[in-house]
């Protein structure tokens, strides 16, 4: 089924895009406030390439790391993130439907014909590493060193838009990866070591948070920035609560997820991400989140959401920061949603 190589990290995917002539490097200074949003949306609406901003600035001060944007700005790149060509997406949806509800096996010939499904099940088990490139450098928790965008003029401040938020329920332990939730939630920067996590009540991260609040205990949280395409897309998919995003990423990737123990919180985190934020959410600590521009074309109302206090930041030696913009479609989330609809149709049927 797979027609593309396995992308173990964001850089492998960027190298593939560049090889296809589908990556543009922007050397000119571009401001993180509003200007980068305009460039991103212009590229997306023209069916343009992945963007690498090498001179991002905030208030005239140059950022210390490049910014990657418009990663999944075309349906072809979303499919490529799944390891497929666009015309293979419906067939992969059929495969996932069979994996979810397989028919009884009848005889050895039938069993061998189902080997791709058996292999996918094996690949869904994550691999625990002793060290990962996402921890090459350990740094103090200072978010000002990360070039976080402020997308829209009415936004409350800088907004992390592609965070893969890693949580587990109270009563589990760090090794029970099947109970983890990976979700892409809005994360507003409050200060050098504080974020607001906007997880809505029906999402997995919010359910985990309620279990820790009920126990009266602080909740460990990790955020992977610049994860590999399969992890990004698994975290964005509305999977059933009984399906682990970590395991599902193994099916999408065609290879087992690689995890490593976080430095300051009892969680396992993606070993090949660009940046890992670690910290704690304490019971009862909230802050007013927003307003921020949303896909409706309007700004969200201000509401209280939990605060994450960072305990550490780890990253590669030369990290890249991945960002996106949510606004009135077409935008990157709507392009991803278009492909996800095709992928989910056989499961719905």
Protein backbone atom coordinates (compact mmCIF):
# COMPACT_ATOMS: atom_id res chain seq x y z
CA UNK A 1 0.00 0.00 0.00
CA UNK A 2 2.73 2.52 0.98
CA UNK A 3 4.32 4.35 -1.93
CA UNK A 4 6.60 6.73 -0.01
CA UNK A 5 9.47 6.21 2.45
CA UNK A 6 8.90 6.12 6.20
CA UNK A 7 9.23 9.59 7.73
CA UNK A 8 10.65 9.10 11.22
CA UNK A 9 10.86 12.84 11.85
CA UNK A 10 9.87 16.23 10.48
CA UNK A 11 13.23 16.65 8.75
CA UNK A 12 12.79 13.53 6.65
CA UNK A 13 9.47 14.89 5.43
CA UNK A 14 11.00 18.30 4.67
CA UNK A 15 13.83 16.63 2.73
CA UNK A 16 11.24 14.72 0.70
CA UNK A 17 9.31 17.95 -0.01
CA UNK A 18 12.50 19.73 -1.04
CA UNK A 19 13.38 16.85 -3.36
CA UNK A 20 9.99 17.34 -5.02
CA UNK A 21 10.63 21.08 -5.44
CA UNK A 22 7.93 21.66 -2.81
CA UNK A 23 9.84 23.63 -0.18
CA UNK A 24 10.66 27.34 -0.32
CA UNK A 25 13.31 28.94 1.88
CA UNK A 26 12.58 32.57 2.76
CA UNK A 27 15.72 34.49 3.69
CA UNK A 28 14.05 37.91 4.04
CA UNK A 29 13.01 39.07 7.52
CA UNK A 30 9.35 38.25 8.25
CA UNK A 31 7.60 39.43 11.42
CA UNK A 32 5.95 36.82 13.65
CA UNK A 33 3.12 39.27 14.33
CA UNK A 34 0.59 39.12 11.49
CA UNK A 35 3.07 39.32 8.59
CA UNK A 36 3.93 35.61 8.68
CA UNK A 37 0.21 34.81 8.68
CA UNK A 38 -0.27 36.77 5.45
CA UNK A 39 2.62 34.95 3.76
CA UNK A 40 1.39 31.53 4.91
CA UNK A 41 -2.17 32.05 3.71
CA UNK A 42 -1.04 33.47 0.37
CA UNK A 43 1.11 30.37 -0.18
CA UNK A 44 -1.64 27.97 0.86
CA UNK A 45 -4.32 29.59 -1.30
CA UNK A 46 -1.99 29.43 -4.32
CA UNK A 47 -1.33 25.71 -3.70
CA UNK A 48 2.21 26.68 -2.76
CA UNK A 49 5.07 24.83 -1.06
CA UNK A 50 6.14 24.20 2.51
CA UNK A 51 7.69 27.41 3.83
CA UNK A 52 10.91 27.71 5.82
CA UNK A 53 11.39 31.16 7.35
CA UNK A 54 15.09 31.58 8.15
CA UNK A 55 14.82 35.16 9.46
CA UNK A 56 11.68 35.29 11.57
CA UNK A 57 11.51 38.38 13.76
CA UNK A 58 9.52 39.66 16.72
CA UNK A 59 9.63 43.41 17.22
CA UNK A 60 12.74 43.69 15.07
CA UNK A 61 14.60 41.01 17.06
CA UNK A 62 15.67 37.97 15.02
CA UNK A 63 14.56 34.55 16.23
CA UNK A 64 17.15 31.95 17.10
CA UNK A 65 15.58 29.14 15.06
CA UNK A 66 13.92 28.70 11.65
CA UNK A 67 10.12 28.48 11.40
CA UNK A 68 8.36 25.85 9.26
CA UNK A 69 4.85 26.62 7.97
CA UNK A 70 2.27 25.42 5.43
CA UNK A 71 3.44 21.84 6.05
CA UNK A 72 0.10 20.26 5.08
CA UNK A 73 -1.08 23.09 2.84
CA UNK A 74 -2.08 20.79 -0.04
CA UNK A 75 -4.02 17.48 -0.07
CA UNK A 76 -1.01 15.82 -1.73
CA UNK A 77 1.21 16.71 1.23
CA UNK A 78 -1.37 15.47 3.74
CA UNK A 79 -1.45 12.16 1.87
CA UNK A 80 2.36 12.14 1.79
CA UNK A 81 2.34 12.56 5.56
CA UNK A 82 0.41 9.28 5.63
CA UNK A 83 3.03 7.70 3.36
CA UNK A 84 0.60 7.65 0.41
CA UNK A 85 -0.18 9.29 -2.87
CA UNK A 86 -3.52 11.10 -2.91
CA UNK A 87 -5.23 8.41 -5.01
CA UNK A 88 -4.25 5.78 -2.42
CA UNK A 89 -6.09 7.50 0.45
CA UNK A 90 -9.49 5.79 -0.17
CA UNK A 91 -7.80 2.36 -0.27
CA UNK A 92 -5.97 3.09 2.97
CA UNK A 93 -9.31 4.06 4.50
CA UNK A 94 -10.64 0.61 3.53
CA UNK A 95 -7.55 -0.95 5.14
CA UNK A 96 -8.11 0.97 8.38
CA UNK A 97 -11.77 -0.08 8.40
CA UNK A 98 -10.68 -3.72 8.10
CA UNK A 99 -8.11 -3.23 10.85
CA UNK A 100 -10.83 -1.83 13.10
CA UNK A 101 -13.33 -4.67 12.45
CA UNK A 102 -11.51 -7.57 10.77
CA UNK A 103 -13.53 -10.46 9.32
CA UNK A 104 -12.83 -13.98 10.65
CA UNK A 105 -9.74 -15.62 9.17
CA UNK A 106 -10.49 -18.74 7.13
CA UNK A 107 -7.47 -20.94 6.53
CA UNK A 108 -3.75 -20.28 6.04
CA UNK A 109 -4.16 -18.68 2.59
CA UNK A 110 -6.60 -16.14 4.03
CA UNK A 111 -4.28 -15.51 7.00
CA UNK A 112 -1.34 -14.79 4.69
CA UNK A 113 -3.47 -12.44 2.59
CA UNK A 114 -4.11 -10.44 5.76
CA UNK A 115 -0.43 -10.09 6.65
CA UNK A 116 -0.46 -6.29 6.07
CA UNK A 117 -3.11 -6.02 8.78
CA UNK A 118 -1.12 -8.25 11.13
CA UNK A 119 2.02 -6.25 10.42
CA UNK A 120 0.18 -2.99 11.10
CA UNK A 121 -0.93 -4.35 14.48
CA UNK A 122 2.69 -5.19 15.35
CA UNK A 123 3.92 -1.80 14.18
CA UNK A 124 1.44 -0.09 16.47
CA UNK A 125 3.47 -1.10 19.56
CA UNK A 126 5.82 1.79 20.47
CA UNK A 127 9.55 1.33 20.95
CA UNK A 128 11.15 2.81 24.09
CA UNK A 129 14.60 4.33 23.54
CA UNK A 130 17.19 5.26 26.15
CA UNK A 131 17.88 8.60 24.46
CA UNK A 132 16.37 10.65 21.64
CA UNK A 133 17.38 13.62 19.51
CA UNK A 134 14.52 15.61 21.04
CA UNK A 135 16.66 15.71 24.20
CA UNK A 136 20.07 16.61 22.75
CA UNK A 137 19.93 19.94 24.59
CA UNK A 138 18.28 20.64 27.95
CA UNK A 139 17.37 24.28 28.47
CA UNK A 140 15.70 26.41 31.15
CA UNK A 141 11.97 26.83 30.58
CA UNK A 142 12.09 30.08 28.58
CA UNK A 143 9.43 30.29 25.87
CA UNK A 144 10.78 33.63 24.67
CA UNK A 145 13.51 31.66 22.85
CA UNK A 146 10.88 29.95 20.64
CA UNK A 147 9.57 31.99 17.65
CA UNK A 148 5.86 31.69 18.41
CA UNK A 149 3.48 33.47 16.03
CA UNK A 150 0.79 35.99 16.88
CA UNK A 151 -1.48 35.23 13.90
CA UNK A 152 -4.25 37.87 13.95
CA UNK A 153 -4.50 41.55 15.01
CA UNK A 154 -7.09 40.88 17.73
CA UNK A 155 -5.25 37.91 19.26
CA UNK A 156 -4.42 37.99 22.96
CA UNK A 157 -0.77 37.13 22.37
CA UNK A 158 1.60 34.55 20.90
CA UNK A 159 -0.11 31.23 20.16
CA UNK A 160 1.43 27.78 19.75
CA UNK A 161 -0.70 26.22 16.99
CA UNK A 162 0.85 22.77 16.27
CA UNK A 163 1.46 21.39 19.79
CA UNK A 164 1.09 17.64 20.29
CA UNK A 165 -0.05 17.61 23.93
CA UNK A 166 0.78 14.36 25.74
CA UNK A 167 -1.29 13.39 28.82
CA UNK A 168 -2.31 10.28 30.77
CA UNK A 169 -5.10 9.68 33.28
CA UNK A 170 -4.56 9.76 37.03
CA UNK A 171 -4.00 6.23 38.34
CA UNK A 172 -1.97 5.14 35.30
CA UNK A 173 1.80 4.99 35.13
CA UNK A 174 4.23 6.38 32.57
CA UNK A 175 4.68 3.01 30.88
CA UNK A 176 0.99 2.53 30.04
CA UNK A 177 1.20 4.17 26.63
CA UNK A 178 -2.11 2.66 25.52
CA UNK A 179 -3.81 5.00 28.03
CA UNK A 180 -2.05 8.13 26.75
CA UNK A 181 -3.86 10.84 24.84
CA UNK A 182 -2.17 12.93 22.16
CA UNK A 183 -4.13 16.00 21.15
CA UNK A 184 -3.55 19.20 19.21
CA UNK A 185 -4.85 21.98 21.47
CA UNK A 186 -4.34 25.71 21.29
CA UNK A 187 -1.58 26.86 23.70
CA UNK A 188 -1.39 30.55 24.59
CA UNK A 189 1.96 31.83 25.82
CA UNK A 190 1.47 33.65 29.15
CA UNK A 191 5.12 34.15 30.05
CA UNK A 192 8.55 32.52 29.87
CA UNK A 193 7.41 29.42 31.75
CA UNK A 194 3.58 29.43 31.52
CA UNK A 195 1.06 28.32 28.90
CA UNK A 196 -2.73 28.12 28.77
CA UNK A 197 -4.00 24.80 27.37
CA UNK A 198 -7.33 25.16 25.58
CA UNK A 199 -8.67 21.60 25.68
CA UNK A 200 -12.45 21.51 25.28
CA UNK A 201 -14.49 19.42 27.73
CA UNK A 202 -15.10 16.52 25.31
CA UNK A 203 -11.43 16.06 24.38
CA UNK A 204 -9.12 13.42 25.84
CA UNK A 205 -6.76 15.87 27.52
CA UNK A 206 -9.67 17.49 29.39
CA UNK A 207 -10.93 14.08 30.57
CA UNK A 208 -7.46 13.26 31.90
CA UNK A 209 -7.29 16.65 33.60
CA UNK A 210 -10.58 16.01 35.42
CA UNK A 211 -9.18 12.74 36.81
CA UNK A 212 -6.16 14.55 38.29
CA UNK A 213 -8.32 17.37 39.69
CA UNK A 214 -10.58 14.80 41.35
CA UNK A 215 -7.51 13.26 43.02
CA UNK A 216 -6.28 16.72 44.05
CA UNK A 217 -2.93 16.10 42.37
CA UNK A 218 -0.87 18.07 39.83
CA UNK A 219 -1.01 16.61 36.32
CA UNK A 220 2.13 15.91 34.28
CA UNK A 221 1.99 17.28 30.73
CA UNK A 222 4.43 17.24 27.84
CA UNK A 223 4.17 19.04 24.51
CA UNK A 224 5.99 17.88 21.38
CA UNK A 225 6.71 20.63 18.85
CA UNK A 226 7.74 19.61 15.35
CA UNK A 227 6.80 15.94 15.62
CA UNK A 228 6.92 13.53 12.66
CA UNK A 229 3.98 13.65 10.19
CA UNK A 230 2.33 10.44 11.44
CA UNK A 231 2.31 11.68 15.04
CA UNK A 232 0.98 15.10 13.98
CA UNK A 233 -1.83 13.60 11.91
CA UNK A 234 -2.73 10.95 14.53
CA UNK A 235 -3.01 13.66 17.19
CA UNK A 236 -5.24 15.72 14.89
CA UNK A 237 -7.56 12.84 13.96
CA UNK A 238 -10.78 12.49 16.03
CA UNK A 239 -9.97 8.92 17.07
CA UNK A 240 -12.18 6.96 19.51
CA UNK A 241 -11.02 7.19 23.13
CA UNK A 242 -10.20 3.46 23.05
CA UNK A 243 -7.65 3.96 20.23
CA UNK A 244 -4.19 5.15 21.23
CA UNK A 245 -2.82 7.95 19.03
CA UNK A 246 0.70 6.66 19.73
CA UNK A 247 -0.23 3.20 18.44
CA UNK A 248 -2.21 4.59 15.52
CA UNK A 249 0.78 6.65 14.42
CA UNK A 250 2.67 3.36 14.03
CA UNK A 251 0.04 2.17 11.56
CA UNK A 252 0.20 5.45 9.61
CA UNK A 253 3.99 5.60 9.66
CA UNK A 254 4.48 1.95 8.76
CA UNK A 255 6.97 1.72 11.63
CA UNK A 256 6.77 1.69 15.42
CA UNK A 257 6.65 5.00 17.28
CA UNK A 258 9.87 5.79 19.13
CA UNK A 259 9.51 7.24 22.62
CA UNK A 260 11.87 8.37 25.34
CA UNK A 261 11.33 9.19 29.03
CA UNK A 262 10.82 12.89 29.73
CA UNK A 263 13.38 14.59 31.97
CA UNK A 264 11.18 16.21 34.65
CA UNK A 265 7.70 14.65 34.32
CA UNK A 266 6.59 10.98 34.44
CA UNK A 267 5.68 10.67 30.75
CA UNK A 268 7.11 9.17 27.57
CA UNK A 269 7.56 11.65 24.73
CA UNK A 270 8.37 11.45 20.99
CA UNK A 271 12.08 10.74 20.66
CA UNK A 272 12.44 12.42 17.25
CA UNK A 273 10.53 15.69 17.79
CA UNK A 274 12.24 19.06 17.40
CA UNK A 275 11.31 20.48 20.81
CA UNK A 276 9.73 19.05 23.99
CA UNK A 277 8.05 21.23 26.63
CA UNK A 278 7.58 19.57 30.02
CA UNK A 279 5.54 20.76 32.97
CA UNK A 280 2.63 20.47 35.36
CA UNK A 281 -0.99 21.58 35.51
CA UNK A 282 -2.07 22.21 39.11
CA UNK A 283 -5.67 21.72 40.27
CA UNK A 284 -7.71 24.88 40.16
CA UNK A 285 -5.12 27.01 38.37
CA UNK A 286 -6.69 28.63 35.31
CA UNK A 287 -6.29 31.83 33.33
CA UNK A 288 -8.50 33.65 30.79
CA UNK A 289 -7.62 32.28 27.34
CA UNK A 290 -8.07 34.31 24.16
CA UNK A 291 -9.49 35.88 22.20
CA UNK A 292 -7.96 34.24 19.11
CA UNK A 293 -9.04 34.15 15.49
CA UNK A 294 -10.79 30.87 14.66
CA UNK A 295 -11.93 28.88 11.61
CA UNK A 296 -15.35 30.53 11.85
CA UNK A 297 -13.78 33.79 10.72
CA UNK A 298 -14.46 35.35 14.12
CA UNK A 299 -12.60 35.61 17.41
CA UNK A 300 -13.42 33.14 20.19
CA UNK A 301 -14.85 34.41 23.45
CA UNK A 302 -12.47 34.63 26.41
CA UNK A 303 -12.84 31.60 28.71
CA UNK A 304 -10.83 30.16 31.62
CA UNK A 305 -8.60 27.16 30.83
CA UNK A 306 -5.85 25.31 32.74
CA UNK A 307 -2.36 26.77 33.09
CA UNK A 308 0.72 24.63 32.41
CA UNK A 309 3.83 25.60 34.38
CA UNK A 310 6.94 24.50 32.49
CA UNK A 311 9.63 22.55 34.33
CA UNK A 312 11.99 21.98 31.38
CA UNK A 313 12.51 22.44 27.66
CA UNK A 314 14.57 19.97 25.65
CA UNK A 315 15.34 20.16 21.95
CA UNK A 316 17.62 19.17 19.09
CA UNK A 317 20.92 20.99 18.73
CA UNK A 318 19.54 23.03 15.83
CA UNK A 319 15.75 22.95 16.34
CA UNK A 320 13.04 23.92 13.87
CA UNK A 321 9.75 25.42 15.05
CA UNK A 322 6.58 24.22 13.31
CA UNK A 323 3.59 26.56 13.12
CA UNK A 324 0.27 26.98 11.33
CA UNK A 325 -2.64 29.43 11.15
CA UNK A 326 -6.31 28.80 11.84
CA UNK A 327 -8.70 31.15 10.11
CA UNK A 328 -11.62 31.24 7.73
CA UNK A 329 -11.14 28.38 5.21
CA UNK A 330 -9.23 27.65 3.14
CA UNK A 331 -6.56 27.19 5.79
CA UNK A 332 -4.30 24.30 6.74
CA UNK A 333 -6.80 22.60 9.10
CA UNK A 334 -9.46 22.62 6.37
CA UNK A 335 -7.04 21.02 3.88
CA UNK A 336 -6.23 18.29 6.42
CA UNK A 337 -9.94 17.82 7.11
CA UNK A 338 -10.65 17.28 3.42
CA UNK A 339 -8.27 14.31 3.32
CA UNK A 340 -9.44 12.99 6.69
CA UNK A 341 -13.02 12.89 5.41
CA UNK A 342 -11.93 10.58 2.56
CA UNK A 343 -9.91 8.46 4.99
CA UNK A 344 -12.80 8.09 7.45
CA UNK A 345 -15.58 7.30 4.97
CA UNK A 346 -14.98 3.49 4.88
CA UNK A 347 -14.94 3.37 8.69
CA UNK A 348 -18.23 5.29 8.83
CA UNK A 349 -19.76 2.93 6.27
